[in-house]
């Protein structure tokens, strides 16, 4: 919670905002295995689902995880016309609603309770970025690197404004 507030307290300067948006725009998709028939069928099924989704909105909101270190998306499913489950939508809730236990399992914290509820499998998409090891469950976003330089810049401006006012 505290880490989240620190990251949100930074008013993002234009160069940082530009760099973050540039990194988000470079996200790419890896090709699949075209020799496996099941892989091709699954890819076609999923392609049909993606065409029905507001994919740009979903990716844009998930890529804010680059700034914060992690992002959480919830998949909403429905039964499709072919009798298979279809991904109806992906909503991006506030990342502060989630926490990780010592095993790295994501938990939903209603009312910011300490224990929280374990998330069901295959329903949530968790994106982590920036960490150099597997046990940084909250990732290490750009806000981690930008907080102190921006804080010192603001304090310097405040100091000089106060100093010049006393002259």
Foldseek 3Di string as FASTA:
>chain_A
DVLVVLLVVDPDDPVRVVVLVVVLVPDDDDDDDPVDPVRVVVVVLQVVLVVQEPVVVVSVVQSCCQAFFKWKKFFDWDQDPVRDIGRNYIDTDDPQQWDADQVLFIFGQVVNDPPGHGDDPPGMDMDGDADPDDRPSRGQHPSNVPSVVSVVVVVVVVVVVVVVVVD
